[in-house]
């Protein structure tokens, strides 16, 4: 602050600034000496932050402000007097802790993830991520679908789920044009083109494109069937099979044919049905010109060439290549 008696053209300097008592600042210096290190002035740090913000505003107005170093030091002293002494000590302690080697760096790393889970060892940098993680422990599912009874703990999962209703599939494969609802499904699909199968079964020769497929496969070996129907006693080894089963109770048929009025419980059934409109028959026999809509139909057809008859009657010695033929035989 310039002296009112200073004439025009006199530069602003240290002599023209009013001196005031600096008791609190001396206390600050004595606190710093107790720590055994030369800690920077807390007031100067806070002032630098405020000045940088003000400078940004001035730059946007097209002007620049340059504060002499002596002025910065004096402003620092003025600001330090306005900061409570206890807060100054806390700030100095945090500064000196950064100079204490590995322990200081470890403490800083821990401070970078201040939001810690009380139920496990997870830690997060943001409160929102911590809050979302806690829902996995409480089983709370606050995000509900407005088109069905599904609910989710994460809004992103709800967003992916809504694409099942809207049919939106924004993620497209650059190799074959296949499209998917979420990027992780596209990534798994692309492994079919590259031949990458990083997930291997420890019980057999099975290899898989993704970890969830391996996890489902392992239940074949363990016999685990954790997904239980709430309407009947049926249980299943994967959630998708349970969801399809539940539609037999609800009567829901969400998959509609765009060529006719047919509706289906499963997307795979709709896909097979669509081939009746396009005459697509992707399953071709290598031993004759026959081609089929379904893989199972091809498998059943191949038994005509191989002579395999795996279905045996329990009443007599008759064998059949097709389970429907055995069923018809048993009615006789």
Protein backbone atom coordinates (compact mmCIF):
# COMPACT_ATOMS: atom_id res chain seq x y z
CA UNK A 1 0.00 0.00 0.00
CA UNK A 2 1.70 3.28 -1.12
CA UNK A 3 2.32 6.22 1.26
CA UNK A 4 -0.08 9.15 0.64
CA UNK A 5 2.85 11.65 0.99
CA UNK A 6 4.86 10.11 -1.82
CA UNK A 7 5.12 12.41 -4.79
CA UNK A 8 4.36 11.46 -8.35
CA UNK A 9 6.94 9.36 -10.05
CA UNK A 10 8.35 7.99 -6.78
CA UNK A 11 8.69 4.17 -7.08
CA UNK A 12 6.88 2.00 -4.61
CA UNK A 13 9.40 0.37 -2.30
CA UNK A 14 9.90 -1.11 1.11
CA UNK A 15 10.33 2.26 2.81
CA UNK A 16 6.88 3.40 1.72
CA UNK A 17 5.00 0.52 3.24
CA UNK A 18 3.55 0.74 6.69
CA UNK A 19 5.23 -1.55 9.21
CA UNK A 20 3.04 -3.45 11.66
CA UNK A 21 3.81 -5.89 14.48
CA UNK A 22 4.81 -9.37 13.33
CA UNK A 23 4.42 -11.37 16.54
CA UNK A 24 2.45 -14.19 14.91
CA UNK A 25 4.95 -14.43 12.08
CA UNK A 26 7.85 -14.77 14.53
CA UNK A 27 5.89 -17.54 16.23
CA UNK A 28 5.56 -19.15 12.84
CA UNK A 29 9.33 -18.99 12.33
CA UNK A 30 9.99 -20.50 15.76
CA UNK A 31 7.59 -23.35 14.93
CA UNK A 32 9.47 -23.98 11.72
CA UNK A 33 12.80 -24.13 13.58
CA UNK A 34 11.41 -26.82 15.88
CA UNK A 35 10.84 -29.09 12.89
CA UNK A 36 14.53 -29.00 12.01
CA UNK A 37 13.95 -27.88 8.39
CA UNK A 38 13.46 -24.63 6.53
CA UNK A 39 9.79 -24.87 5.58
CA UNK A 40 8.39 -22.32 3.10
CA UNK A 41 5.99 -19.70 4.39
CA UNK A 42 2.42 -20.93 4.35
CA UNK A 43 1.06 -17.46 3.66
CA UNK A 44 3.27 -17.14 0.60
CA UNK A 45 2.00 -20.46 -0.77
CA UNK A 46 -1.60 -19.39 -0.34
CA UNK A 47 -0.83 -15.99 -1.82
CA UNK A 48 0.84 -17.57 -4.84
CA UNK A 49 -2.30 -19.59 -5.47
CA UNK A 50 -4.52 -16.52 -5.22
CA UNK A 51 -2.15 -14.46 -7.39
CA UNK A 52 -2.09 -17.15 -10.07
CA UNK A 53 -5.89 -17.08 -10.24
CA UNK A 54 -5.92 -13.28 -10.37
CA UNK A 55 -3.23 -13.27 -13.04
CA UNK A 56 -5.39 -15.59 -15.11
CA UNK A 57 -8.25 -13.09 -14.92
CA UNK A 58 -5.95 -10.22 -15.86
CA UNK A 59 -4.58 -12.13 -18.83
CA UNK A 60 -8.09 -12.72 -20.08
CA UNK A 61 -8.64 -8.95 -19.89
CA UNK A 62 -5.52 -8.36 -22.03
CA UNK A 63 -3.27 -6.89 -19.28
CA UNK A 64 -0.47 -8.33 -17.16
CA UNK A 65 0.47 -7.64 -13.55
CA UNK A 66 4.01 -8.00 -12.21
CA UNK A 67 4.53 -7.83 -8.43
CA UNK A 68 8.09 -7.03 -7.20
CA UNK A 69 9.71 -9.67 -5.04
CA UNK A 70 9.90 -7.34 -2.02
CA UNK A 71 6.18 -6.72 -2.30
CA UNK A 72 5.53 -10.45 -2.41
CA UNK A 73 7.52 -10.95 0.80
CA UNK A 74 5.67 -8.18 2.59
CA UNK A 75 2.31 -9.39 1.34
CA UNK A 76 3.33 -12.80 2.62
CA UNK A 77 3.92 -11.36 6.10
CA UNK A 78 0.59 -9.55 6.03
CA UNK A 79 -1.27 -12.69 5.03
CA UNK A 80 0.58 -14.86 7.56
CA UNK A 81 -0.70 -12.69 10.39
CA UNK A 82 -4.27 -13.42 9.28
CA UNK A 83 -3.81 -17.21 9.37
CA UNK A 84 -4.46 -18.92 12.75
CA UNK A 85 -1.26 -20.19 14.33
CA UNK A 86 -2.54 -23.76 14.69
CA UNK A 87 -3.34 -23.91 10.98
CA UNK A 88 0.16 -22.63 10.18
CA UNK A 89 1.69 -25.41 12.29
CA UNK A 90 -0.42 -28.02 10.53
CA UNK A 91 0.67 -26.74 7.12
CA UNK A 92 4.35 -26.70 8.12
CA UNK A 93 4.06 -30.24 9.46
CA UNK A 94 2.61 -31.41 6.14
CA UNK A 95 5.44 -29.72 4.23
CA UNK A 96 8.23 -31.18 6.37
CA UNK A 97 6.72 -34.67 6.19
CA UNK A 98 7.36 -34.65 2.44
CA UNK A 99 11.11 -34.48 3.14
CA UNK A 100 11.24 -37.57 5.35
CA UNK A 101 12.21 -40.14 2.71
CA UNK A 102 10.18 -43.22 1.87
CA UNK A 103 7.82 -42.79 4.81
CA UNK A 104 6.87 -39.34 3.59
CA UNK A 105 6.28 -40.55 0.06
CA UNK A 106 4.16 -43.45 1.32
CA UNK A 107 2.04 -41.08 3.38
CA UNK A 108 1.58 -38.86 0.35
CA UNK A 109 0.50 -41.86 -1.74
CA UNK A 110 -2.03 -42.83 0.91
CA UNK A 111 -3.36 -39.28 0.97
CA UNK A 112 -3.94 -39.51 -2.77
CA UNK A 113 -6.66 -42.11 -2.06
CA UNK A 114 -8.36 -40.72 1.03
CA UNK A 115 -11.66 -42.57 0.59
CA UNK A 116 -11.22 -46.03 2.11
CA UNK A 117 -13.70 -48.89 2.29
CA UNK A 118 -14.50 -50.05 5.80
CA UNK A 119 -15.30 -53.59 4.64
CA UNK A 120 -12.25 -54.36 2.47
CA UNK A 121 -8.87 -52.89 1.50
CA UNK A 122 -10.15 -50.84 -1.46
CA UNK A 123 -9.29 -47.13 -1.56
CA UNK A 124 -10.37 -44.40 -3.96
CA UNK A 125 -9.39 -40.88 -4.99
CA UNK A 126 -12.97 -39.70 -5.40
CA UNK A 127 -15.92 -39.94 -3.06
CA UNK A 128 -18.23 -40.96 -5.91
CA UNK A 129 -16.13 -44.06 -6.72
CA UNK A 130 -16.04 -44.93 -3.02
CA UNK A 131 -19.82 -44.55 -2.73
CA UNK A 132 -20.39 -46.72 -5.79
CA UNK A 133 -18.05 -49.39 -4.42
CA UNK A 134 -19.87 -49.48 -1.07
CA UNK A 135 -23.03 -50.56 -2.89
CA UNK A 136 -21.32 -53.89 -3.64
CA UNK A 137 -21.23 -54.57 0.11
CA UNK A 138 -24.70 -53.28 0.98
CA UNK A 139 -26.41 -54.89 -2.05
CA UNK A 140 -28.19 -51.57 -2.58
CA UNK A 141 -29.38 -51.13 -6.17
CA UNK A 142 -30.79 -47.61 -6.48
CA UNK A 143 -30.78 -47.35 -10.28
CA UNK A 144 -34.00 -48.84 -11.68
CA UNK A 145 -35.04 -49.51 -15.24
CA UNK A 146 -38.23 -47.71 -16.23
CA UNK A 147 -39.15 -50.41 -18.75
CA UNK A 148 -38.81 -53.56 -16.60
CA UNK A 149 -38.16 -54.61 -13.01
CA UNK A 150 -34.36 -54.68 -13.31
CA UNK A 151 -32.31 -52.58 -10.88
CA UNK A 152 -28.58 -51.89 -10.68
CA UNK A 153 -25.96 -50.52 -8.31
CA UNK A 154 -24.13 -48.59 -11.06
CA UNK A 155 -25.77 -46.10 -13.47
CA UNK A 156 -23.44 -47.23 -16.26
CA UNK A 157 -24.77 -50.77 -15.95
CA UNK A 158 -28.30 -49.39 -16.20
CA UNK A 159 -27.29 -47.48 -19.35
CA UNK A 160 -25.99 -50.70 -20.95
CA UNK A 161 -29.15 -52.52 -19.87
CA UNK A 162 -31.40 -49.91 -21.51
CA UNK A 163 -29.79 -50.74 -24.84
CA UNK A 164 -31.48 -54.13 -24.59
CA UNK A 165 -34.81 -52.34 -24.79
CA UNK A 166 -33.85 -49.75 -27.38
CA UNK A 167 -31.80 -52.09 -29.56
CA UNK A 168 -28.94 -49.60 -29.64
CA UNK A 169 -25.60 -51.25 -30.48
CA UNK A 170 -23.09 -48.42 -30.94
CA UNK A 171 -19.87 -50.45 -30.84
CA UNK A 172 -19.05 -51.98 -34.25
CA UNK A 173 -16.39 -54.48 -35.30
CA UNK A 174 -14.10 -53.18 -38.03
CA UNK A 175 -13.50 -56.69 -39.40
CA UNK A 176 -16.98 -58.07 -39.94
CA UNK A 177 -19.44 -55.28 -39.13
CA UNK A 178 -20.90 -56.98 -36.04
CA UNK A 179 -22.22 -54.49 -33.50
CA UNK A 180 -22.48 -54.67 -29.72
CA UNK A 181 -24.09 -52.87 -26.82
CA UNK A 182 -20.90 -52.28 -24.83
CA UNK A 183 -17.17 -52.00 -25.66
CA UNK A 184 -16.15 -55.01 -23.56
CA UNK A 185 -18.36 -57.28 -25.69
CA UNK A 186 -16.71 -55.88 -28.82
CA UNK A 187 -13.26 -56.55 -27.35
CA UNK A 188 -14.19 -60.17 -26.61
CA UNK A 189 -15.59 -60.57 -30.12
CA UNK A 190 -12.43 -59.24 -31.75
CA UNK A 191 -10.48 -62.11 -30.19
CA UNK A 192 -12.36 -64.42 -32.53
CA UNK A 193 -10.70 -62.65 -35.44
CA UNK A 194 -7.24 -62.63 -33.87
CA UNK A 195 -7.52 -66.19 -32.52
CA UNK A 196 -6.55 -65.01 -29.05
CA UNK A 197 -7.85 -67.33 -26.31
CA UNK A 198 -6.02 -66.25 -23.16
CA UNK A 199 -8.24 -68.04 -20.63
CA UNK A 200 -7.46 -71.75 -20.24
CA UNK A 201 -9.25 -74.37 -18.16
CA UNK A 202 -7.10 -76.19 -15.63
CA UNK A 203 -9.23 -79.36 -15.83
CA UNK A 204 -9.48 -79.91 -19.57
CA UNK A 205 -8.25 -78.52 -22.88
CA UNK A 206 -10.90 -75.80 -23.00
CA UNK A 207 -9.75 -72.28 -23.93
CA UNK A 208 -11.91 -69.16 -23.89
CA UNK A 209 -11.99 -65.62 -25.20
CA UNK A 210 -12.97 -64.04 -21.88
CA UNK A 211 -12.81 -64.73 -18.15
CA UNK A 212 -16.59 -64.94 -17.68
CA UNK A 213 -16.81 -67.79 -20.22
CA UNK A 214 -14.06 -69.66 -18.37
CA UNK A 215 -15.84 -69.07 -15.06
CA UNK A 216 -19.09 -70.48 -16.46
CA UNK A 217 -17.22 -73.44 -17.94
CA UNK A 218 -15.56 -74.30 -14.62
CA UNK A 219 -19.01 -74.85 -13.12
CA UNK A 220 -19.36 -77.82 -15.47
CA UNK A 221 -16.48 -79.44 -13.59
CA UNK A 222 -17.52 -78.35 -10.09
CA UNK A 223 -21.27 -78.89 -10.54
CA UNK A 224 -21.95 -75.45 -9.07
CA UNK A 225 -25.36 -74.01 -10.00
CA UNK A 226 -25.62 -70.73 -8.08
CA UNK A 227 -28.48 -69.14 -10.03
CA UNK A 228 -31.82 -70.29 -8.61
CA UNK A 229 -35.30 -69.58 -9.91
CA UNK A 230 -37.50 -67.76 -7.39
CA UNK A 231 -40.64 -69.27 -8.94
CA UNK A 232 -39.66 -72.94 -8.93
CA UNK A 233 -36.84 -75.23 -7.79
CA UNK A 234 -34.79 -74.92 -11.00
CA UNK A 235 -31.16 -73.82 -10.73
CA UNK A 236 -28.59 -72.94 -13.35
CA UNK A 237 -24.86 -72.48 -13.77
CA UNK A 238 -25.09 -69.06 -15.47
CA UNK A 239 -27.30 -66.01 -15.10
CA UNK A 240 -28.24 -65.86 -18.79
CA UNK A 241 -29.82 -69.31 -18.64
CA UNK A 242 -31.77 -68.28 -15.53
CA UNK A 243 -33.03 -65.11 -17.25
CA UNK A 244 -34.25 -67.12 -20.22
CA UNK A 245 -35.91 -69.61 -17.89
CA UNK A 246 -37.72 -66.84 -15.99
CA UNK A 247 -39.48 -65.84 -19.20
CA UNK A 248 -41.28 -69.18 -19.16
CA UNK A 249 -42.95 -67.96 -15.95
CA UNK A 250 -43.56 -64.35 -16.97
CA UNK A 251 -44.47 -65.03 -20.60
CA UNK A 252 -42.16 -62.21 -21.68
CA UNK A 253 -41.08 -62.45 -25.32
CA UNK A 254 -38.94 -59.35 -25.92
CA UNK A 255 -37.34 -60.38 -29.21
CA UNK A 256 -39.57 -59.45 -32.16
CA UNK A 257 -39.17 -60.33 -35.82
CA UNK A 258 -39.06 -57.28 -38.10
CA UNK A 259 -40.50 -59.27 -41.02
CA UNK A 260 -43.53 -60.85 -39.34
CA UNK A 261 -45.44 -60.90 -36.06
CA UNK A 262 -43.34 -63.65 -34.47
CA UNK A 263 -41.90 -62.96 -31.00
CA UNK A 264 -39.37 -65.00 -29.03
CA UNK A 265 -37.98 -65.41 -25.54
CA UNK A 266 -34.38 -65.66 -26.70
CA UNK A 267 -32.32 -63.66 -29.17
CA UNK A 268 -30.77 -66.86 -30.53
CA UNK A 269 -34.23 -68.20 -31.37
CA UNK A 270 -35.04 -64.96 -33.19
CA UNK A 271 -31.76 -65.21 -35.09
CA UNK A 272 -32.60 -68.71 -36.28
CA UNK A 273 -36.11 -67.58 -37.23
CA UNK A 274 -34.77 -64.70 -39.33
CA UNK A 275 -33.02 -67.23 -41.55
CA UNK A 276 -36.43 -68.48 -42.69
CA UNK A 277 -36.97 -65.05 -44.23
CA UNK A 278 -33.50 -64.70 -45.74
CA UNK A 279 -33.07 -68.41 -46.72
CA UNK A 280 -29.66 -68.20 -45.06
CA UNK A 281 -28.31 -71.66 -44.22
CA UNK A 282 -24.87 -71.20 -42.71
CA UNK A 283 -24.36 -74.80 -41.54
CA UNK A 284 -23.21 -76.80 -44.56
CA UNK A 285 -22.46 -80.50 -44.75
CA UNK A 286 -18.96 -81.27 -46.07
CA UNK A 287 -20.04 -84.69 -47.33
CA UNK A 288 -23.04 -83.61 -49.42
CA UNK A 289 -24.72 -80.40 -50.68
CA UNK A 290 -27.10 -80.19 -47.71
CA UNK A 291 -27.17 -76.99 -45.63
CA UNK A 292 -29.10 -76.13 -42.49
CA UNK A 293 -30.37 -73.21 -40.45
CA UNK A 294 -29.32 -74.74 -37.13
CA UNK A 295 -26.05 -76.28 -36.01
CA UNK A 296 -27.98 -79.06 -34.29
CA UNK A 297 -29.73 -79.94 -37.55
CA UNK A 298 -26.35 -80.35 -39.23
CA UNK A 299 -25.10 -82.50 -36.36
CA UNK A 300 -28.14 -84.73 -36.61
CA UNK A 301 -27.70 -84.96 -40.39
CA UNK A 302 -24.05 -86.01 -40.10
CA UNK A 303 -25.16 -89.14 -38.22
CA UNK A 304 -26.66 -90.32 -41.49
CA UNK A 305 -23.15 -90.33 -42.96
CA UNK A 306 -21.33 -91.73 -39.93
CA UNK A 307 -23.98 -94.27 -38.89
CA UNK A 308 -23.86 -93.06 -35.29
CA UNK A 309 -26.98 -93.98 -33.28
CA UNK A 310 -26.45 -92.70 -29.73
CA UNK A 311 -30.06 -92.93 -28.51
CA UNK A 312 -30.96 -96.40 -27.22
CA UNK A 313 -34.27 -97.79 -26.08
CA UNK A 314 -34.29 -98.99 -22.48
CA UNK A 315 -36.89 -101.67 -23.25
CA UNK A 316 -35.22 -103.27 -26.25
CA UNK A 317 -31.97 -103.07 -28.17
CA UNK A 318 -33.19 -100.57 -30.77
CA UNK A 319 -30.92 -97.56 -31.39
CA UNK A 320 -31.68 -94.23 -33.02
CA UNK A 321 -29.74 -91.30 -34.43
CA UNK A 322 -32.36 -88.76 -33.35
CA UNK A 323 -33.97 -88.34 -29.88
CA UNK A 324 -37.34 -87.57 -31.48
CA UNK A 325 -37.22 -90.96 -33.23
CA UNK A 326 -36.57 -92.65 -29.88
CA UNK A 327 -39.44 -90.73 -28.30
CA UNK A 328 -41.77 -91.84 -31.09
CA UNK A 329 -40.57 -95.44 -30.64
CA UNK A 330 -41.31 -95.39 -26.91
CA UNK A 331 -44.93 -94.39 -27.56
CA UNK A 332 -45.51 -97.56 -29.59
